[in-house]
């Protein structure tokens, strides 16, 4: 059985972004592309409605590239339990206010029993 990985939005963002001149962004892009092409087959990958919503934002052409990259990836259920955990992660401190979406990514991965959460955040 392959390990299960929840793919957070930063992964398809770096995967499909135009090449950057910023050294750190360039390194993240290269690492993401390498993982996607060589390591991805070793895992069962999943996304959620949160990834789809975030990937849909921004410049239309960039959004289209992100959405194409995640097309066909199974979406995990966002249940009330996910929403409750997301709220607790913010209210009790590990995730700061203003980063609620990150709490929901963590919650959806946790509640759905993912082995890993893959993110650049």
PDB file of N, CA and C in Angstrom:
ATOM      1  N   UNK A   1       0.841  -1.180   0.000  1.00  0.00           N
ATOM      2  CA  UNK A   1       0.000   0.000   0.000  1.00  0.00           C
ATOM      3  C   UNK A   1       0.893   1.252   0.000  1.00  0.00           C
ATOM      4  N   UNK A   2       0.583   2.175  -0.866  1.00  0.00           N
ATOM      5  CA  UNK A   2       1.352   3.413  -0.966  1.00  0.00           C
ATOM      6  C   UNK A   2       0.967   4.377   0.150  1.00  0.00           C
ATOM      7  N   UNK A   3       1.933   5.148   0.659  1.00  0.00           N
ATOM      8  CA  UNK A   3       1.584   6.192   1.630  1.00  0.00           C
ATOM      9  C   UNK A   3       0.674   7.235   0.987  1.00  0.00           C
ATOM     10  N   UNK A   4      -0.204   7.818   1.806  1.00  0.00           N
ATOM     11  CA  UNK A   4      -1.168   8.815   1.332  1.00  0.00           C
ATOM     12  C   UNK A   4      -0.640  10.215   1.636  1.00  0.00           C
ATOM     13  N   UNK A   5      -0.682  11.075   0.606  1.00  0.00           N
ATOM     14  CA  UNK A   5      -0.170  12.439   0.727  1.00  0.00           C
ATOM     15  C   UNK A   5      -1.247  13.436   0.345  1.00  0.00           C
ATOM     16  N   UNK A   6      -1.452  14.402   1.229  1.00  0.00           N
ATOM     17  CA  UNK A   6      -2.337  15.528   0.928  1.00  0.00           C
ATOM     18  C   UNK A   6      -1.472  16.622   0.309  1.00  0.00           C
ATOM     19  N   UNK A   7      -1.841  17.057  -0.875  1.00  0.00           N
ATOM     20  CA  UNK A   7      -1.112  18.079  -1.611  1.00  0.00           C
ATOM     21  C   UNK A   7      -1.764  19.432  -1.355  1.00  0.00           C
ATOM     22  N   UNK A   8      -1.061  20.303  -0.649  1.00  0.00           N
ATOM     23  CA  UNK A   8      -1.546  21.654  -0.376  1.00  0.00           C
ATOM     24  C   UNK A   8      -1.277  22.529  -1.600  1.00  0.00           C
ATOM     25  N   UNK A   9      -1.952  23.655  -1.701  1.00  0.00           N
ATOM     26  CA  UNK A   9      -1.968  24.489  -2.901  1.00  0.00           C
ATOM     27  C   UNK A   9      -0.604  25.008  -3.339  1.00  0.00           C
ATOM     28  N   UNK A  10       0.327  25.171  -2.418  1.00  0.00           N
ATOM     29  CA  UNK A  10       1.647  25.675  -2.821  1.00  0.00           C
ATOM     30  C   UNK A  10       2.352  24.719  -3.785  1.00  0.00           C
ATOM     31  N   UNK A  11       2.014  23.444  -3.739  1.00  0.00           N
ATOM     32  CA  UNK A  11       2.667  22.466  -4.625  1.00  0.00           C
ATOM     33  C   UNK A  11       2.260  22.694  -6.086  1.00  0.00           C
ATOM     34  N   UNK A  12       0.965  22.680  -6.428  1.00  0.00           N
ATOM     35  CA  UNK A  12       0.636  22.976  -7.825  1.00  0.00           C
ATOM     36  C   UNK A  12       1.006  24.400  -8.232  1.00  0.00           C
ATOM     37  N   UNK A  13       1.079  25.305  -7.270  1.00  0.00           N
ATOM     38  CA  UNK A  13       1.480  26.677  -7.590  1.00  0.00           C
ATOM     39  C   UNK A  13       2.934  26.724  -8.059  1.00  0.00           C
ATOM     40  N   UNK A  14       3.829  26.108  -7.301  1.00  0.00           N
ATOM     41  CA  UNK A  14       5.232  26.071  -7.728  1.00  0.00           C
ATOM     42  C   UNK A  14       5.424  25.202  -8.969  1.00  0.00           C
ATOM     43  N   UNK A  15       4.640  24.134  -9.054  1.00  0.00           N
ATOM     44  CA  UNK A  15       4.749  23.223 -10.191  1.00  0.00           C
ATOM     45  C   UNK A  15       4.455  23.916 -11.513  1.00  0.00           C
ATOM     46  N   UNK A  16       3.498  24.835 -11.510  1.00  0.00           N
ATOM     47  CA  UNK A  16       3.026  25.427 -12.766  1.00  0.00           C
ATOM     48  C   UNK A  16       3.433  26.882 -12.965  1.00  0.00           C
ATOM     49  N   UNK A  17       4.152  27.448 -12.000  1.00  0.00           N
ATOM     50  CA  UNK A  17       4.531  28.861 -12.091  1.00  0.00           C
ATOM     51  C   UNK A  17       5.573  29.089 -13.185  1.00  0.00           C
ATOM     52  N   UNK A  18       5.577  30.304 -13.701  1.00  0.00           N
ATOM     53  CA  UNK A  18       6.643  30.680 -14.622  1.00  0.00           C
ATOM     54  C   UNK A  18       7.969  30.630 -13.879  1.00  0.00           C
ATOM     55  N   UNK A  19       9.053  30.317 -14.562  1.00  0.00           N
ATOM     56  CA  UNK A  19      10.354  30.285 -13.884  1.00  0.00           C
ATOM     57  C   UNK A  19      10.647  31.620 -13.191  1.00  0.00           C
ATOM     58  N   UNK A  20      11.144  31.505 -11.986  1.00  0.00           N
ATOM     59  CA  UNK A  20      11.415  32.689 -11.181  1.00  0.00           C
ATOM     60  C   UNK A  20      12.895  33.043 -11.200  1.00  0.00           C
ATOM     61  N   UNK A  21      13.182  34.330 -11.042  1.00  0.00           N
ATOM     62  CA  UNK A  21      14.567  34.781 -10.891  1.00  0.00           C
ATOM     63  C   UNK A  21      14.994  34.787  -9.428  1.00  0.00           C
ATOM     64  N   UNK A  22      14.016  34.694  -8.525  1.00  0.00           N
ATOM     65  CA  UNK A  22      14.304  34.644  -7.096  1.00  0.00           C
ATOM     66  C   UNK A  22      14.907  33.271  -6.770  1.00  0.00           C
ATOM     67  N   UNK A  23      16.053  33.267  -6.120  1.00  0.00           N
ATOM     68  CA  UNK A  23      16.792  32.032  -5.874  1.00  0.00           C
ATOM     69  C   UNK A  23      15.983  31.008  -5.075  1.00  0.00           C
ATOM     70  N   UNK A  24      15.326  31.464  -4.014  1.00  0.00           N
ATOM     71  CA  UNK A  24      14.545  30.544  -3.184  1.00  0.00           C
ATOM     72  C   UNK A  24      13.354  29.988  -3.953  1.00  0.00           C
ATOM     73  N   UNK A  25      12.633  30.860  -4.649  1.00  0.00           N
ATOM     74  CA  UNK A  25      11.481  30.408  -5.434  1.00  0.00           C
ATOM     75  C   UNK A  25      11.925  29.435  -6.528  1.00  0.00           C
ATOM     76  N   UNK A  26      13.048  29.729  -7.149  1.00  0.00           N
ATOM     77  CA  UNK A  26      13.575  28.853  -8.197  1.00  0.00           C
ATOM     78  C   UNK A  26      13.899  27.467  -7.626  1.00  0.00           C
ATOM     79  N   UNK A  27      14.513  27.444  -6.442  1.00  0.00           N
ATOM     80  CA  UNK A  27      14.831  26.166  -5.796  1.00  0.00           C
ATOM     81  C   UNK A  27      13.557  25.396  -5.469  1.00  0.00           C
ATOM     82  N   UNK A  28      12.548  26.101  -4.947  1.00  0.00           N
ATOM     83  CA  UNK A  28      11.275  25.450  -4.633  1.00  0.00           C
ATOM     84  C   UNK A  28      10.604  24.908  -5.898  1.00  0.00           C
ATOM     85  N   UNK A  29      10.657  25.684  -6.973  1.00  0.00           N
ATOM     86  CA  UNK A  29      10.084  25.220  -8.240  1.00  0.00           C
ATOM     87  C   UNK A  29      10.794  23.959  -8.721  1.00  0.00           C
ATOM     88  N   UNK A  30      12.106  23.983  -8.725  1.00  0.00           N
ATOM     89  CA  UNK A  30      12.870  22.829  -9.212  1.00  0.00           C
ATOM     90  C   UNK A  30      12.626  21.589  -8.365  1.00  0.00           C
ATOM     91  N   UNK A  31      12.597  21.769  -7.052  1.00  0.00           N
ATOM     92  CA  UNK A  31      12.354  20.641  -6.159  1.00  0.00           C
ATOM     93  C   UNK A  31      10.945  20.088  -6.358  1.00  0.00           C
ATOM     94  N   UNK A  32       9.977  20.981  -6.523  1.00  0.00           N
ATOM     95  CA  UNK A  32       8.590  20.553  -6.733  1.00  0.00           C
ATOM     96  C   UNK A  32       8.462  19.772  -8.031  1.00  0.00           C
ATOM     97  N   UNK A  33       9.035  20.289  -9.089  1.00  0.00           N
ATOM     98  CA  UNK A  33       8.967  19.600 -10.384  1.00  0.00           C
ATOM     99  C   UNK A  33       9.640  18.233 -10.294  1.00  0.00           C
ATOM    100  N   UNK A  34      10.788  18.177  -9.651  1.00  0.00           N
ATOM    101  CA  UNK A  34      11.502  16.899  -9.508  1.00  0.00           C
ATOM    102  C   UNK A  34      10.659  15.892  -8.722  1.00  0.00           C
ATOM    103  N   UNK A  35      10.059  16.347  -7.594  1.00  0.00           N
ATOM    104  CA  UNK A  35       9.217  15.447  -6.800  1.00  0.00           C
ATOM    105  C   UNK A  35       8.027  14.971  -7.628  1.00  0.00           C
ATOM    106  N   UNK A  36       7.371  15.908  -8.306  1.00  0.00           N
ATOM    107  CA  UNK A  36       6.167  15.590  -9.083  1.00  0.00           C
ATOM    108  C   UNK A  36       6.478  14.558 -10.170  1.00  0.00           C
ATOM    109  N   UNK A  37       7.602  14.716 -10.817  1.00  0.00           N
ATOM    110  CA  UNK A  37       7.950  13.826 -11.932  1.00  0.00           C
ATOM    111  C   UNK A  37       8.540  12.491 -11.478  1.00  0.00           C
ATOM    112  N   UNK A  38       9.299  12.495 -10.380  1.00  0.00           N
ATOM    113  CA  UNK A  38       9.995  11.266 -10.010  1.00  0.00           C
ATOM    114  C   UNK A  38       9.445  10.553  -8.774  1.00  0.00           C
ATOM    115  N   UNK A  39       8.932  11.275  -7.816  1.00  0.00           N
ATOM    116  CA  UNK A  39       8.490  10.658  -6.562  1.00  0.00           C
ATOM    117  C   UNK A  39       6.982  10.469  -6.463  1.00  0.00           C
ATOM    118  N   UNK A  40       6.231  11.288  -7.158  1.00  0.00           N
ATOM    119  CA  UNK A  40       4.767  11.246  -7.061  1.00  0.00           C
ATOM    120  C   UNK A  40       4.188   9.843  -7.255  1.00  0.00           C
ATOM    121  N   UNK A  41       4.699   9.051  -8.205  1.00  0.00           N
ATOM    122  CA  UNK A  41       4.122   7.710  -8.396  1.00  0.00           C
ATOM    123  C   UNK A  41       4.245   6.794  -7.175  1.00  0.00           C
ATOM    124  N   UNK A  42       5.086   7.161  -6.219  1.00  0.00           N
ATOM    125  CA  UNK A  42       5.281   6.340  -5.022  1.00  0.00           C
ATOM    126  C   UNK A  42       4.189   6.564  -3.975  1.00  0.00           C
ATOM    127  N   UNK A  43       3.286   7.510  -4.225  1.00  0.00           N
ATOM    128  CA  UNK A  43       2.283   7.902  -3.241  1.00  0.00           C
ATOM    129  C   UNK A  43       0.886   7.939  -3.846  1.00  0.00           C
ATOM    130  N   UNK A  44      -0.112   7.782  -2.984  1.00  0.00           N
ATOM    131  CA  UNK A  44      -1.488   8.094  -3.351  1.00  0.00           C
ATOM    132  C   UNK A  44      -1.662   9.551  -2.961  1.00  0.00           C
ATOM    133  N   UNK A  45      -1.995  10.405  -3.929  1.00  0.00           N
ATOM    134  CA  UNK A  45      -2.103  11.827  -3.613  1.00  0.00           C
ATOM    135  C   UNK A  45      -3.555  12.280  -3.609  1.00  0.00           C
ATOM    136  N   UNK A  46      -3.816  13.258  -2.751  1.00  0.00           N
ATOM    137  CA  UNK A  46      -5.159  13.780  -2.554  1.00  0.00           C
ATOM    138  C   UNK A  46      -5.118  15.294  -2.418  1.00  0.00           C
ATOM    139  N   UNK A  47      -6.256  15.913  -2.722  1.00  0.00           N
ATOM    140  CA  UNK A  47      -6.443  17.347  -2.521  1.00  0.00           C
ATOM    141  C   UNK A  47      -7.779  17.530  -1.805  1.00  0.00           C
ATOM    142  N   UNK A  48      -8.210  18.772  -1.662  1.00  0.00           N
ATOM    143  CA  UNK A  48      -9.522  19.056  -1.084  1.00  0.00           C
ATOM    144  C   UNK A  48     -10.145  20.236  -1.817  1.00  0.00           C
ATOM    145  N   UNK A  49     -11.367  20.543  -1.431  1.00  0.00           N
ATOM    146  CA  UNK A  49     -12.032  21.710  -2.014  1.00  0.00           C
ATOM    147  C   UNK A  49     -11.260  22.992  -1.711  1.00  0.00           C
ATOM    148  N   UNK A  50     -10.493  22.997  -0.625  1.00  0.00           N
ATOM    149  CA  UNK A  50      -9.694  24.170  -0.288  1.00  0.00           C
ATOM    150  C   UNK A  50      -8.596  24.388  -1.328  1.00  0.00           C
ATOM    151  N   UNK A  51      -7.978  23.309  -1.777  1.00  0.00           N
ATOM    152  CA  UNK A  51      -6.936  23.401  -2.807  1.00  0.00           C
ATOM    153  C   UNK A  51      -7.547  23.897  -4.114  1.00  0.00           C
ATOM    154  N   UNK A  52      -8.690  23.350  -4.476  1.00  0.00           N
ATOM    155  CA  UNK A  52      -9.350  23.764  -5.714  1.00  0.00           C
ATOM    156  C   UNK A  52      -9.708  25.249  -5.643  1.00  0.00           C
ATOM    157  N   UNK A  53     -10.242  25.684  -4.518  1.00  0.00           N
ATOM    158  CA  UNK A  53     -10.635  27.089  -4.372  1.00  0.00           C
ATOM    159  C   UNK A  53      -9.421  28.007  -4.472  1.00  0.00           C
ATOM    160  N   UNK A  54      -8.346  27.678  -3.771  1.00  0.00           N
ATOM    161  CA  UNK A  54      -7.147  28.518  -3.829  1.00  0.00           C
ATOM    162  C   UNK A  54      -6.514  28.494  -5.214  1.00  0.00           C
ATOM    163  N   UNK A  55      -6.464  27.318  -5.821  1.00  0.00           N
ATOM    164  CA  UNK A  55      -5.856  27.190  -7.150  1.00  0.00           C
ATOM    165  C   UNK A  55      -6.635  27.965  -8.199  1.00  0.00           C
ATOM    166  N   UNK A  56      -7.910  28.199  -7.957  1.00  0.00           N
ATOM    167  CA  UNK A  56      -8.767  28.919  -8.898  1.00  0.00           C
ATOM    168  C   UNK A  56      -8.573  30.428  -8.861  1.00  0.00           C
ATOM    169  N   UNK A  57      -7.902  30.920  -7.836  1.00  0.00           N
ATOM    170  CA  UNK A  57      -7.732  32.358  -7.666  1.00  0.00           C
ATOM    171  C   UNK A  57      -6.554  32.886  -8.476  1.00  0.00           C
ATOM    172  N   UNK A  58      -6.547  34.197  -8.674  1.00  0.00           N
ATOM    173  CA  UNK A  58      -5.418  34.839  -9.337  1.00  0.00           C
ATOM    174  C   UNK A  58      -5.614  34.978 -10.834  1.00  0.00           C
ATOM    175  N   UNK A  59      -4.489  35.181 -11.512  1.00  0.00           N
ATOM    176  CA  UNK A  59      -4.496  35.381 -12.959  1.00  0.00           C
ATOM    177  C   UNK A  59      -5.148  34.175 -13.644  1.00  0.00           C
ATOM    178  N   UNK A  60      -6.077  34.405 -14.565  1.00  0.00           N
ATOM    179  CA  UNK A  60      -6.810  33.293 -15.184  1.00  0.00           C
ATOM    180  C   UNK A  60      -5.923  32.230 -15.836  1.00  0.00           C
ATOM    181  N   UNK A  61      -4.865  32.635 -16.518  1.00  0.00           N
ATOM    182  CA  UNK A  61      -4.000  31.642 -17.171  1.00  0.00           C
ATOM    183  C   UNK A  61      -3.226  30.824 -16.138  1.00  0.00           C
ATOM    184  N   UNK A  62      -2.758  31.485 -15.084  1.00  0.00           N
ATOM    185  CA  UNK A  62      -2.044  30.775 -14.017  1.00  0.00           C
ATOM    186  C   UNK A  62      -2.992  29.827 -13.294  1.00  0.00           C
ATOM    187  N   UNK A  63      -4.215  30.293 -13.029  1.00  0.00           N
ATOM    188  CA  UNK A  63      -5.206  29.446 -12.375  1.00  0.00           C
ATOM    189  C   UNK A  63      -5.523  28.224 -13.239  1.00  0.00           C
ATOM    190  N   UNK A  64      -5.640  28.424 -14.525  1.00  0.00           N
ATOM    191  CA  UNK A  64      -5.922  27.308 -15.432  1.00  0.00           C
ATOM    192  C   UNK A  64      -4.803  26.267 -15.392  1.00  0.00           C
ATOM    193  N   UNK A  65      -3.554  26.724 -15.325  1.00  0.00           N
ATOM    194  CA  UNK A  65      -2.418  25.786 -15.232  1.00  0.00           C
ATOM    195  C   UNK A  65      -2.464  25.000 -13.918  1.00  0.00           C
ATOM    196  N   UNK A  66      -2.766  25.695 -12.821  1.00  0.00           N
ATOM    197  CA  UNK A  66      -2.847  25.014 -11.519  1.00  0.00           C
ATOM    198  C   UNK A  66      -3.979  23.987 -11.520  1.00  0.00           C
ATOM    199  N   UNK A  67      -5.134  24.390 -12.037  1.00  0.00           N
ATOM    200  CA  UNK A  67      -6.278  23.479 -12.069  1.00  0.00           C
ATOM    201  C   UNK A  67      -6.011  22.271 -12.959  1.00  0.00           C
ATOM    202  N   UNK A  68      -5.312  22.479 -14.057  1.00  0.00           N
ATOM    203  CA  UNK A  68      -4.962  21.352 -14.936  1.00  0.00           C
ATOM    204  C   UNK A  68      -4.029  20.376 -14.216  1.00  0.00           C
ATOM    205  N   UNK A  69      -3.128  20.910 -13.404  1.00  0.00           N
ATOM    206  CA  UNK A  69      -2.178  20.056 -12.687  1.00  0.00           C
ATOM    207  C   UNK A  69      -2.864  19.163 -11.658  1.00  0.00           C
ATOM    208  N   UNK A  70      -3.951  19.647 -11.069  1.00  0.00           N
ATOM    209  CA  UNK A  70      -4.627  18.853 -10.034  1.00  0.00           C
ATOM    210  C   UNK A  70      -5.848  18.102 -10.554  1.00  0.00           C
ATOM    211  N   UNK A  71      -6.125  18.266 -11.832  1.00  0.00           N
ATOM    212  CA  UNK A  71      -7.270  17.573 -12.425  1.00  0.00           C
ATOM    213  C   UNK A  71      -7.129  16.064 -12.237  1.00  0.00           C
ATOM    214  N   UNK A  72      -8.188  15.434 -11.801  1.00  0.00           N
ATOM    215  CA  UNK A  72      -8.186  13.981 -11.634  1.00  0.00           C
ATOM    216  C   UNK A  72      -7.664  13.494 -10.294  1.00  0.00           C
ATOM    217  N   UNK A  73      -7.132  14.384  -9.476  1.00  0.00           N
ATOM    218  CA  UNK A  73      -6.665  13.981  -8.148  1.00  0.00           C
ATOM    219  C   UNK A  73      -7.883  13.897  -7.234  1.00  0.00           C
ATOM    220  N   UNK A  74      -8.033  12.802  -6.517  1.00  0.00           N
ATOM    221  CA  UNK A  74      -9.212  12.667  -5.647  1.00  0.00           C
ATOM    222  C   UNK A  74      -9.266  13.759  -4.576  1.00  0.00           C
ATOM    223  N   UNK A  75     -10.494  14.240  -4.323  1.00  0.00           N
ATOM    224  CA  UNK A  75     -10.731  15.255  -3.296  1.00  0.00           C
ATOM    225  C   UNK A  75     -11.197  14.582  -2.012  1.00  0.00           C
ATOM    226  N   UNK A  76     -10.558  14.945  -0.913  1.00  0.00           N
ATOM    227  CA  UNK A  76     -10.968  14.448   0.397  1.00  0.00           C
ATOM    228  C   UNK A  76     -12.220  15.183   0.860  1.00  0.00           C
ATOM    229  N   UNK A  77     -13.006  14.503   1.673  1.00  0.00           N
ATOM    230  CA  UNK A  77     -14.225  15.107   2.213  1.00  0.00           C
ATOM    231  C   UNK A  77     -13.879  16.170   3.247  1.00  0.00           C
ATOM    232  N   UNK A  78     -14.585  17.277   3.160  1.00  0.00           N
ATOM    233  CA  UNK A  78     -14.474  18.330   4.164  1.00  0.00           C
ATOM    234  C   UNK A  78     -15.735  18.228   5.019  1.00  0.00           C
ATOM    235  N   UNK A  79     -15.583  17.548   6.140  1.00  0.00           N
ATOM    236  CA  UNK A  79     -16.708  17.287   7.026  1.00  0.00           C
ATOM    237  C   UNK A  79     -16.772  18.353   8.120  1.00  0.00           C
ATOM    238  N   UNK A  80     -17.819  18.268   8.924  1.00  0.00           N
ATOM    239  CA  UNK A  80     -17.920  19.177  10.077  1.00  0.00           C
ATOM    240  C   UNK A  80     -16.750  18.957  11.034  1.00  0.00           C
ATOM    241  N   UNK A  81     -16.286  17.727  11.135  1.00  0.00           N
ATOM    242  CA  UNK A  81     -15.125  17.423  11.984  1.00  0.00           C
ATOM    243  C   UNK A  81     -13.878  18.171  11.484  1.00  0.00           C
ATOM    244  N   UNK A  82     -13.711  18.245  10.177  1.00  0.00           N
ATOM    245  CA  UNK A  82     -12.599  19.000   9.586  1.00  0.00           C
ATOM    246  C   UNK A  82     -12.730  20.474   9.948  1.00  0.00           C
ATOM    247  N   UNK A  83     -13.911  21.008   9.784  1.00  0.00           N
ATOM    248  CA  UNK A  83     -14.135  22.432  10.075  1.00  0.00           C
ATOM    249  C   UNK A  83     -13.917  22.736  11.563  1.00  0.00           C
ATOM    250  N   UNK A  84     -14.365  21.842  12.429  1.00  0.00           N
ATOM    251  CA  UNK A  84     -14.154  22.042  13.866  1.00  0.00           C
ATOM    252  C   UNK A  84     -12.670  22.040  14.216  1.00  0.00           C
ATOM    253  N   UNK A  85     -11.931  21.074  13.681  1.00  0.00           N
ATOM    254  CA  UNK A  85     -10.501  21.016  13.968  1.00  0.00           C
ATOM    255  C   UNK A  85      -9.790  22.249  13.428  1.00  0.00           C
ATOM    256  N   UNK A  86     -10.160  22.693  12.249  1.00  0.00           N
ATOM    257  CA  UNK A  86      -9.562  23.906  11.687  1.00  0.00           C
ATOM    258  C   UNK A  86      -9.770  25.107  12.592  1.00  0.00           C
ATOM    259  N   UNK A  87     -10.971  25.247  13.117  1.00  0.00           N
ATOM    260  CA  UNK A  87     -11.256  26.364  14.037  1.00  0.00           C
ATOM    261  C   UNK A  87     -10.439  26.245  15.327  1.00  0.00           C
ATOM    262  N   UNK A  88     -10.307  25.034  15.849  1.00  0.00           N
ATOM    263  CA  UNK A  88      -9.533  24.820  17.074  1.00  0.00           C
ATOM    264  C   UNK A  88      -8.056  25.148  16.847  1.00  0.00           C
ATOM    265  N   UNK A  89      -7.518  24.773  15.716  1.00  0.00           N
ATOM    266  CA  UNK A  89      -6.101  25.052  15.432  1.00  0.00           C
ATOM    267  C   UNK A  89      -5.801  26.544  15.446  1.00  0.00           C
ATOM    268  N   UNK A  90      -6.767  27.350  15.054  1.00  0.00           N
ATOM    269  CA  UNK A  90      -6.595  28.804  15.084  1.00  0.00           C
ATOM    270  C   UNK A  90      -6.884  29.344  16.485  1.00  0.00           C
ATOM    271  N   UNK A  91      -7.984  28.910  17.074  1.00  0.00           N
ATOM    272  CA  UNK A  91      -8.410  29.446  18.369  1.00  0.00           C
ATOM    273  C   UNK A  91      -7.428  29.124  19.487  1.00  0.00           C
ATOM    274  N   UNK A  92      -6.800  27.959  19.422  1.00  0.00           N
ATOM    275  CA  UNK A  92      -5.918  27.544  20.509  1.00  0.00           C
ATOM    276  C   UNK A  92      -4.448  27.804  20.222  1.00  0.00           C
ATOM    277  N   UNK A  93      -4.146  28.447  19.124  1.00  0.00           N
ATOM    278  CA  UNK A  93      -2.832  29.010  18.953  1.00  0.00           C
ATOM    279  C   UNK A  93      -1.803  28.459  17.998  1.00  0.00           C
ATOM    280  N   UNK A  94      -1.809  27.197  17.602  1.00  0.00           N
ATOM    281  CA  UNK A  94      -0.702  26.791  16.735  1.00  0.00           C
ATOM    282  C   UNK A  94      -0.708  27.462  15.360  1.00  0.00           C
ATOM    283  N   UNK A  95      -1.892  27.824  14.886  1.00  0.00           N
ATOM    284  CA  UNK A  95      -2.005  28.511  13.598  1.00  0.00           C
ATOM    285  C   UNK A  95      -2.520  29.924  13.879  1.00  0.00           C
ATOM    286  N   UNK A  96      -1.806  30.945  13.418  1.00  0.00           N
ATOM    287  CA  UNK A  96      -2.223  32.320  13.729  1.00  0.00           C
ATOM    288  C   UNK A  96      -3.456  32.744  12.939  1.00  0.00           C
ATOM    289  N   UNK A  97      -4.190  33.692  13.515  1.00  0.00           N
ATOM    290  CA  UNK A  97      -5.300  34.289  12.777  1.00  0.00           C
ATOM    291  C   UNK A  97      -4.733  34.889  11.499  1.00  0.00           C
ATOM    292  N   UNK A  98      -5.487  34.815  10.454  1.00  0.00           N
ATOM    293  CA  UNK A  98      -5.013  35.289   9.158  1.00  0.00           C
ATOM    294  C   UNK A  98      -4.470  34.145   8.309  1.00  0.00           C
ATOM    295  N   UNK A  99      -4.236  32.999   8.930  1.00  0.00           N
ATOM    296  CA  UNK A  99      -3.740  31.822   8.204  1.00  0.00           C
ATOM    297  C   UNK A  99      -4.725  30.664   8.357  1.00  0.00           C
ATOM    298  N   UNK A 100      -6.009  31.001   8.454  1.00  0.00           N
ATOM    299  CA  UNK A 100      -7.032  29.986   8.685  1.00  0.00           C
ATOM    300  C   UNK A 100      -7.028  28.892   7.629  1.00  0.00           C
ATOM    301  N   UNK A 101      -6.771  29.265   6.382  1.00  0.00           N
ATOM    302  CA  UNK A 101      -6.791  28.252   5.323  1.00  0.00           C
ATOM    303  C   UNK A 101      -5.736  27.186   5.575  1.00  0.00           C
ATOM    304  N   UNK A 102      -4.599  27.579   6.148  1.00  0.00           N
ATOM    305  CA  UNK A 102      -3.566  26.588   6.485  1.00  0.00           C
ATOM    306  C   UNK A 102      -4.078  25.622   7.553  1.00  0.00           C
ATOM    307  N   UNK A 103      -4.839  26.137   8.513  1.00  0.00           N
ATOM    308  CA  UNK A 103      -5.432  25.277   9.539  1.00  0.00           C
ATOM    309  C   UNK A 103      -6.377  24.262   8.906  1.00  0.00           C
ATOM    310  N   UNK A 104      -7.137  24.703   7.917  1.00  0.00           N
ATOM    311  CA  UNK A 104      -8.063  23.780   7.262  1.00  0.00           C
ATOM    312  C   UNK A 104      -7.345  22.732   6.416  1.00  0.00           C
ATOM    313  N   UNK A 105      -6.227  23.093   5.812  1.00  0.00           N
ATOM    314  CA  UNK A 105      -5.430  22.079   5.100  1.00  0.00           C
ATOM    315  C   UNK A 105      -4.936  21.016   6.086  1.00  0.00           C
ATOM    316  N   UNK A 106      -4.413  21.458   7.219  1.00  0.00           N
ATOM    317  CA  UNK A 106      -3.942  20.518   8.243  1.00  0.00           C
ATOM    318  C   UNK A 106      -5.100  19.643   8.728  1.00  0.00           C
ATOM    319  N   UNK A 107      -6.240  20.265   8.967  1.00  0.00           N
ATOM    320  CA  UNK A 107      -7.403  19.536   9.481  1.00  0.00           C
ATOM    321  C   UNK A 107      -7.899  18.484   8.489  1.00  0.00           C
ATOM    322  N   UNK A 108      -8.004  18.843   7.220  1.00  0.00           N
ATOM    323  CA  UNK A 108      -8.526  17.884   6.241  1.00  0.00           C
ATOM    324  C   UNK A 108      -7.559  16.712   6.083  1.00  0.00           C
ATOM    325  N   UNK A 109      -6.260  16.980   6.127  1.00  0.00           N
ATOM    326  CA  UNK A 109      -5.268  15.898   6.031  1.00  0.00           C
ATOM    327  C   UNK A 109      -5.338  14.993   7.265  1.00  0.00           C
ATOM    328  N   UNK A 110      -5.477  15.600   8.434  1.00  0.00           N
ATOM    329  CA  UNK A 110      -5.507  14.841   9.685  1.00  0.00           C
ATOM    330  C   UNK A 110      -6.763  13.984   9.800  1.00  0.00           C
ATOM    331  N   UNK A 111      -7.906  14.596   9.622  1.00  0.00           N
ATOM    332  CA  UNK A 111      -9.176  13.888   9.780  1.00  0.00           C
ATOM    333  C   UNK A 111      -9.303  12.748   8.772  1.00  0.00           C
ATOM    334  N   UNK A 112      -8.734  12.925   7.590  1.00  0.00           N
ATOM    335  CA  UNK A 112      -8.826  11.899   6.545  1.00  0.00           C
ATOM    336  C   UNK A 112      -7.672  10.904   6.578  1.00  0.00           C
ATOM    337  N   UNK A 113      -6.844  10.956   7.621  1.00  0.00           N
ATOM    338  CA  UNK A 113      -5.821   9.929   7.830  1.00  0.00           C
ATOM    339  C   UNK A 113      -4.673   9.924   6.842  1.00  0.00           C
ATOM    340  N   UNK A 114      -4.276  11.092   6.381  1.00  0.00           N
ATOM    341  CA  UNK A 114      -3.138  11.159   5.472  1.00  0.00           C
ATOM    342  C   UNK A 114      -1.841  10.830   6.226  1.00  0.00           C
ATOM    343  N   UNK A 115      -0.908  10.224   5.513  1.00  0.00           N
ATOM    344  CA  UNK A 115       0.399   9.949   6.103  1.00  0.00           C
ATOM    345  C   UNK A 115       1.282  11.194   6.068  1.00  0.00           C
ATOM    346  N   UNK A 116       1.082  12.021   5.044  1.00  0.00           N
ATOM    347  CA  UNK A 116       1.904  13.226   4.868  1.00  0.00           C
ATOM    348  C   UNK A 116       1.056  14.395   4.383  1.00  0.00           C
ATOM    349  N   UNK A 117       1.527  15.570   4.708  1.00  0.00           N
ATOM    350  CA  UNK A 117       0.990  16.818   4.183  1.00  0.00           C
ATOM    351  C   UNK A 117       2.138  17.484   3.446  1.00  0.00           C
ATOM    352  N   UNK A 118       2.007  17.642   2.141  1.00  0.00           N
ATOM    353  CA  UNK A 118       3.077  18.221   1.324  1.00  0.00           C
ATOM    354  C   UNK A 118       2.763  19.683   1.046  1.00  0.00           C
ATOM    355  N   UNK A 119       3.643  20.580   1.501  1.00  0.00           N
ATOM    356  CA  UNK A 119       3.417  22.006   1.389  1.00  0.00           C
ATOM    357  C   UNK A 119       4.753  22.748   1.405  1.00  0.00           C
ATOM    358  N   UNK A 120       4.748  23.957   0.879  1.00  0.00           N
ATOM    359  CA  UNK A 120       5.904  24.864   1.012  1.00  0.00           C
ATOM    360  C   UNK A 120       5.634  25.894   2.092  1.00  0.00           C
ATOM    361  N   UNK A 121       4.471  25.868   2.710  1.00  0.00           N
ATOM    362  CA  UNK A 121       4.150  26.840   3.758  1.00  0.00           C
ATOM    363  C   UNK A 121       4.660  26.390   5.114  1.00  0.00           C
TER     364      UNK A 121
END
